[in-house]
C-alpha atoms as a PDB file:
ATOM      1  CA  UNK A   1     -30.982   4.992  16.700  1.00  0.00           C
ATOM      2  CA  UNK A   2     -28.263   6.443  19.049  1.00  0.00           C
ATOM      3  CA  UNK A   3     -25.302   8.531  17.782  1.00  0.00           C
ATOM      4  CA  UNK A   4     -22.847   5.780  18.379  1.00  0.00           C
ATOM      5  CA  UNK A   5     -24.596   3.326  16.101  1.00  0.00           C
ATOM      6  CA  UNK A   6     -24.841   5.681  13.243  1.00  0.00           C
ATOM      7  CA  UNK A   7     -21.145   6.401  12.987  1.00  0.00           C
ATOM      8  CA  UNK A   8     -20.347   7.504   9.497  1.00  0.00           C
ATOM      9  CA  UNK A   9     -17.563   5.905   7.590  1.00  0.00           C
ATOM     10  CA  UNK A  10     -15.650   9.154   7.512  1.00  0.00           C
ATOM     11  CA  UNK A  11     -15.590   9.303  11.244  1.00  0.00           C
ATOM     12  CA  UNK A  12     -14.841   5.693  11.517  1.00  0.00           C
ATOM     13  CA  UNK A  13     -11.990   6.028   9.396  1.00  0.00           C
ATOM     14  CA  UNK A  14     -10.465   9.164  11.555  1.00  0.00           C
ATOM     15  CA  UNK A  15     -11.052   7.262  14.883  1.00  0.00           C
ATOM     16  CA  UNK A  16      -9.339   4.016  13.466  1.00  0.00           C
ATOM     17  CA  UNK A  17      -6.349   6.073  12.340  1.00  0.00           C
ATOM     18  CA  UNK A  18      -5.957   7.517  15.631  1.00  0.00           C
ATOM     19  CA  UNK A  19      -6.641   4.648  17.704  1.00  0.00           C
ATOM     20  CA  UNK A  20      -5.190   1.988  15.308  1.00  0.00           C
ATOM     21  CA  UNK A  21      -2.216   3.807  13.988  1.00  0.00           C
ATOM     22  CA  UNK A  22      -1.277   7.199  15.416  1.00  0.00           C
ATOM     23  CA  UNK A  23      -1.294   5.930  18.941  1.00  0.00           C
ATOM     24  CA  UNK A  24       0.554   2.650  18.252  1.00  0.00           C
ATOM     25  CA  UNK A  25       2.778   4.492  16.133  1.00  0.00           C
ATOM     26  CA  UNK A  26       3.779   7.007  18.885  1.00  0.00           C
ATOM     27  CA  UNK A  27       4.354   4.219  21.182  1.00  0.00           C
ATOM     28  CA  UNK A  28       6.473   2.374  18.726  1.00  0.00           C
ATOM     29  CA  UNK A  29       8.413   5.508  18.329  1.00  0.00           C
ATOM     30  CA  UNK A  30       8.821   5.761  22.131  1.00  0.00           C
ATOM     31  CA  UNK A  31       9.908   2.172  22.416  1.00  0.00           C
ATOM     32  CA  UNK A  32      12.453   2.629  19.629  1.00  0.00           C
ATOM     33  CA  UNK A  33      13.889   5.814  21.563  1.00  0.00           C
ATOM     34  CA  UNK A  34      13.963   3.864  24.726  1.00  0.00           C
ATOM     35  CA  UNK A  35      15.750   0.890  22.895  1.00  0.00           C
ATOM     36  CA  UNK A  36      13.309  -1.095  24.992  1.00  0.00           C
ATOM     37  CA  UNK A  37      13.562  -4.665  23.250  1.00  0.00           C
ATOM     38  CA  UNK A  38      10.612  -5.977  24.701  1.00  0.00           C
ATOM     39  CA  UNK A  39       8.286  -3.136  23.989  1.00  0.00           C
ATOM     40  CA  UNK A  40       9.710  -3.204  20.364  1.00  0.00           C
ATOM     41  CA  UNK A  41       8.693  -6.659  20.189  1.00  0.00           C
ATOM     42  CA  UNK A  42       5.143  -6.131  21.481  1.00  0.00           C
ATOM     43  CA  UNK A  43       4.858  -3.342  18.892  1.00  0.00           C
ATOM     44  CA  UNK A  44       6.161  -5.546  16.144  1.00  0.00           C
ATOM     45  CA  UNK A  45       3.479  -8.224  17.052  1.00  0.00           C
ATOM     46  CA  UNK A  46       0.869  -5.531  17.020  1.00  0.00           C
ATOM     47  CA  UNK A  47       1.873  -4.107  13.577  1.00  0.00           C
ATOM     48  CA  UNK A  48       2.084  -7.706  12.289  1.00  0.00           C
ATOM     49  CA  UNK A  49      -1.532  -8.289  13.281  1.00  0.00           C
ATOM     50  CA  UNK A  50      -2.835  -4.873  12.293  1.00  0.00           C
ATOM     51  CA  UNK A  51      -1.182  -5.856   8.851  1.00  0.00           C
ATOM     52  CA  UNK A  52      -3.292  -8.900   8.613  1.00  0.00           C
ATOM     53  CA  UNK A  53      -6.342  -6.871   9.586  1.00  0.00           C
ATOM     54  CA  UNK A  54      -5.611  -4.388   6.747  1.00  0.00           C
ATOM     55  CA  UNK A  55      -5.537  -7.582   4.312  1.00  0.00           C
ATOM     56  CA  UNK A  56      -8.841  -8.920   5.763  1.00  0.00           C
ATOM     57  CA  UNK A  57     -10.413  -5.421   5.487  1.00  0.00           C
ATOM     58  CA  UNK A  58      -9.483  -5.499   1.788  1.00  0.00           C
ATOM     59  CA  UNK A  59     -12.116  -8.228   1.299  1.00  0.00           C
ATOM     60  CA  UNK A  60     -14.613  -7.102   4.160  1.00  0.00           C
ATOM     61  CA  UNK A  61     -14.764  -3.503   3.021  1.00  0.00           C
ATOM     62  CA  UNK A  62     -16.059  -4.808  -0.149  1.00  0.00           C
ATOM     63  CA  UNK A  63     -19.383  -5.905   1.623  1.00  0.00           C
ATOM     64  CA  UNK A  64     -19.388  -2.991   3.986  1.00  0.00           C
ATOM     65  CA  UNK A  65     -22.813  -1.886   2.601  1.00  0.00           C
ATOM     66  CA  UNK A  66     -24.123  -5.379   3.403  1.00  0.00           C
ATOM     67  CA  UNK A  67     -23.029  -5.892   6.806  1.00  0.00           C
ATOM     68  CA  UNK A  68     -25.063  -4.129   9.615  1.00  0.00           C
ATOM     69  CA  UNK A  69     -23.111  -1.736  11.732  1.00  0.00           C
ATOM     70  CA  UNK A  70     -19.788  -2.410   9.761  1.00  0.00           C
ATOM     71  CA  UNK A  71     -18.129   0.647  10.801  1.00  0.00           C
ATOM     72  CA  UNK A  72     -18.784  -0.076  14.352  1.00  0.00           C
ATOM     73  CA  UNK A  73     -17.581  -3.464  14.119  1.00  0.00           C
ATOM     74  CA  UNK A  74     -14.440  -2.573  12.466  1.00  0.00           C
ATOM     75  CA  UNK A  75     -13.608   0.363  14.898  1.00  0.00           C
ATOM     76  CA  UNK A  76     -14.462  -2.158  17.627  1.00  0.00           C
ATOM     77  CA  UNK A  77     -11.885  -4.595  16.334  1.00  0.00           C
ATOM     78  CA  UNK A  78      -9.412  -2.151  16.076  1.00  0.00           C
ATOM     79  CA  UNK A  79      -9.808  -0.601  19.579  1.00  0.00           C
ATOM     80  CA  UNK A  80     -10.044  -4.094  21.127  1.00  0.00           C
ATOM     81  CA  UNK A  81      -6.418  -4.891  19.418  1.00  0.00           C
ATOM     82  CA  UNK A  82      -4.759  -1.962  21.268  1.00  0.00           C
ATOM     83  CA  UNK A  83      -6.643  -1.524  24.536  1.00  0.00           C
ATOM     84  CA  UNK A  84      -4.466  -2.235  27.279  1.00  0.00           C
ATOM     85  CA  UNK A  85      -6.813  -4.441  29.131  1.00  0.00           C
ATOM     86  CA  UNK A  86      -7.506  -6.610  26.179  1.00  0.00           C
ATOM     87  CA  UNK A  87      -4.373  -6.495  23.879  1.00  0.00           C
ATOM     88  CA  UNK A  88      -6.197  -8.972  21.690  1.00  0.00           C
ATOM     89  CA  UNK A  89      -3.417  -8.485  19.088  1.00  0.00           C
ATOM     90  CA  UNK A  90      -1.178 -11.015  21.364  1.00  0.00           C
ATOM     91  CA  UNK A  91      -3.956 -13.769  21.128  1.00  0.00           C
ATOM     92  CA  UNK A  92      -4.162 -13.206  17.218  1.00  0.00           C
ATOM     93  CA  UNK A  93      -0.406 -13.368  16.814  1.00  0.00           C
ATOM     94  CA  UNK A  94      -0.254 -16.394  19.072  1.00  0.00           C
ATOM     95  CA  UNK A  95      -2.634 -18.018  16.813  1.00  0.00           C
ATOM     96  CA  UNK A  96      -1.106 -16.977  13.566  1.00  0.00           C
ATOM     97  CA  UNK A  97       2.540 -17.325  14.538  1.00  0.00           C
ATOM     98  CA  UNK A  98       2.649 -21.300  14.165  1.00  0.00           C
ATOM     99  CA  UNK A  99       1.228 -21.066  10.667  1.00  0.00           C
ATOM    100  CA  UNK A 100       3.540 -18.247   9.530  1.00  0.00           C
ATOM    101  CA  UNK A 101       6.558 -20.478  11.076  1.00  0.00           C
ATOM    102  CA  UNK A 102       5.292 -23.490   9.362  1.00  0.00           C
ATOM    103  CA  UNK A 103       4.996 -21.820   5.809  1.00  0.00           C
ATOM    104  CA  UNK A 104       7.916 -19.161   6.399  1.00  0.00           C
ATOM    105  CA  UNK A 105      10.069 -20.716   3.661  1.00  0.00           C
ATOM    106  CA  UNK A 106       7.240 -20.877   1.108  1.00  0.00           C
ATOM    107  CA  UNK A 107       6.158 -17.424   1.757  1.00  0.00           C
ATOM    108  CA  UNK A 108       9.986 -16.191   1.457  1.00  0.00           C
ATOM    109  CA  UNK A 109      10.276 -18.208  -1.889  1.00  0.00           C
ATOM    110  CA  UNK A 110       6.876 -16.606  -3.317  1.00  0.00           C
ATOM    111  CA  UNK A 111       8.177 -13.028  -2.203  1.00  0.00           C
ATOM    112  CA  UNK A 112      11.452 -13.773  -3.756  1.00  0.00           C
ATOM    113  CA  UNK A 113       9.807 -15.022  -7.070  1.00  0.00           C
ATOM    114  CA  UNK A 114       7.519 -12.145  -6.916  1.00  0.00           C
ATOM    115  CA  UNK A 115      10.453  -9.614  -6.754  1.00  0.00           C
ATOM    116  CA  UNK A 116      12.118 -11.231  -9.447  1.00  0.00           C
ATOM    117  CA  UNK A 117       9.270 -11.290 -11.829  1.00  0.00           C
ATOM    118  CA  UNK A 118       8.654  -7.630 -10.790  1.00  0.00           C
ATOM    119  CA  UNK A 119      12.170  -6.526 -11.545  1.00  0.00           C
ATOM    120  CA  UNK A 120      12.030  -8.414 -14.973  1.00  0.00           C
ATOM    121  CA  UNK A 121       8.688  -6.606 -15.894  1.00  0.00           C
ATOM    122  CA  UNK A 122      10.404  -3.248 -14.681  1.00  0.00           C
ATOM    123  CA  UNK A 123      13.323  -3.746 -16.977  1.00  0.00           C
ATOM    124  CA  UNK A 124      11.071  -4.793 -19.866  1.00  0.00           C
ATOM    125  CA  UNK A 125       8.910  -1.829 -19.383  1.00  0.00           C
ATOM    126  CA  UNK A 126      11.932   0.567 -19.012  1.00  0.00           C
ATOM    127  CA  UNK A 127      13.379  -0.771 -22.277  1.00  0.00           C
ATOM    128  CA  UNK A 128      10.001  -0.544 -24.313  1.00  0.00           C
ATOM    129  CA  UNK A 129       9.673   2.856 -22.994  1.00  0.00           C
ATOM    130  CA  UNK A 130      13.199   3.831 -24.143  1.00  0.00           C
ATOM    131  CA  UNK A 131      12.315   2.308 -27.552  1.00  0.00           C
ATOM    132  CA  UNK A 132       9.207   4.262 -27.837  1.00  0.00           C
ATOM    133  CA  UNK A 133      11.036   7.435 -26.710  1.00  0.00           C
ATOM    134  CA  UNK A 134      13.789   6.923 -29.211  1.00  0.00           C
ATOM    135  CA  UNK A 135      11.257   6.113 -32.013  1.00  0.00           C
ATOM    136  CA  UNK A 136       9.166   9.300 -31.216  1.00  0.00           C
ATOM    137  CA  UNK A 137      12.293  11.520 -31.129  1.00  0.00           C
ATOM    138  CA  UNK A 138      13.418  10.161 -34.575  1.00  0.00           C
ATOM    139  CA  UNK A 139       9.867  10.544 -35.924  1.00  0.00           C
ATOM    140  CA  UNK A 140       9.830  14.197 -34.564  1.00  0.00           C
ATOM    141  CA  UNK A 141      13.245  14.773 -36.086  1.00  0.00           C
ATOM    142  CA  UNK A 142      12.084  13.366 -39.525  1.00  0.00           C
ATOM    143  CA  UNK A 143       8.923  15.490 -39.173  1.00  0.00           C
ATOM    144  CA  UNK A 144      10.862  18.668 -38.401  1.00  0.00           C
ATOM    145  CA  UNK A 145      13.177  17.850 -41.320  1.00  0.00           C
ATOM    146  CA  UNK A 146      10.279  17.511 -43.625  1.00  0.00           C
ATOM    147  CA  UNK A 147       8.886  20.924 -42.351  1.00  0.00           C
ATOM    148  CA  UNK A 148      12.366  22.361 -42.954  1.00  0.00           C
ATOM    149  CA  UNK A 149      12.591  21.125 -46.628  1.00  0.00           C
ATOM    150  CA  UNK A 150       8.998  22.298 -47.457  1.00  0.00           C
ATOM    151  CA  UNK A 151       9.909  25.779 -46.112  1.00  0.00           C
ATOM    152  CA  UNK A 152      13.239  25.869 -47.891  1.00  0.00           C
ATOM    153  CA  UNK A 153      11.340  24.716 -50.988  1.00  0.00           C
ATOM    154  CA  UNK A 154       8.914  27.652 -50.523  1.00  0.00           C
ATOM    155  CA  UNK A 155      11.499  30.161 -50.120  1.00  0.00           C
ATOM    156  CA  UNK A 156      13.406  29.007 -53.108  1.00  0.00           C
ATOM    157  CA  UNK A 157      10.337  29.422 -55.141  1.00  0.00           C
ATOM    158  CA  UNK A 158       9.791  32.958 -53.954  1.00  0.00           C
ATOM    159  CA  UNK A 159      13.094  33.936 -54.613  1.00  0.00           C
ATOM    160  CA  UNK A 160      13.043  32.455 -58.238  1.00  0.00           C
END
């Protein structure tokens, strides 16, 4: 088989990082610096689609050993998203946008609930950690006092 077909996972990740993230990241930077609103909107569409692709990859990566030429397929998908003559991200965005718009309020509510639950859990965890720290501190002080008392008793016996 040719070298292109036998691309390793490591090389594929490097190429995906450059093609799918470094180049678009730099182009996004340039669009922001120029304050080019149309270019900014295009790159936001690209990043939204790439975030969806990353989510899909969480599942498909589990089966990478069972899917023939998985690395090449993934690399091709990323390249097709960003190549100027294809810009597949536009088509994907146009297909996904109506669904996101339809469920936007539900998604926002879910995010808000998740943020609230996370904050409550963080507060509870912090409170529990503080309690454990204080208990440990008290136990250490008690143990130190026991050691000090034993040392004092030993010293008193030696002097008597």
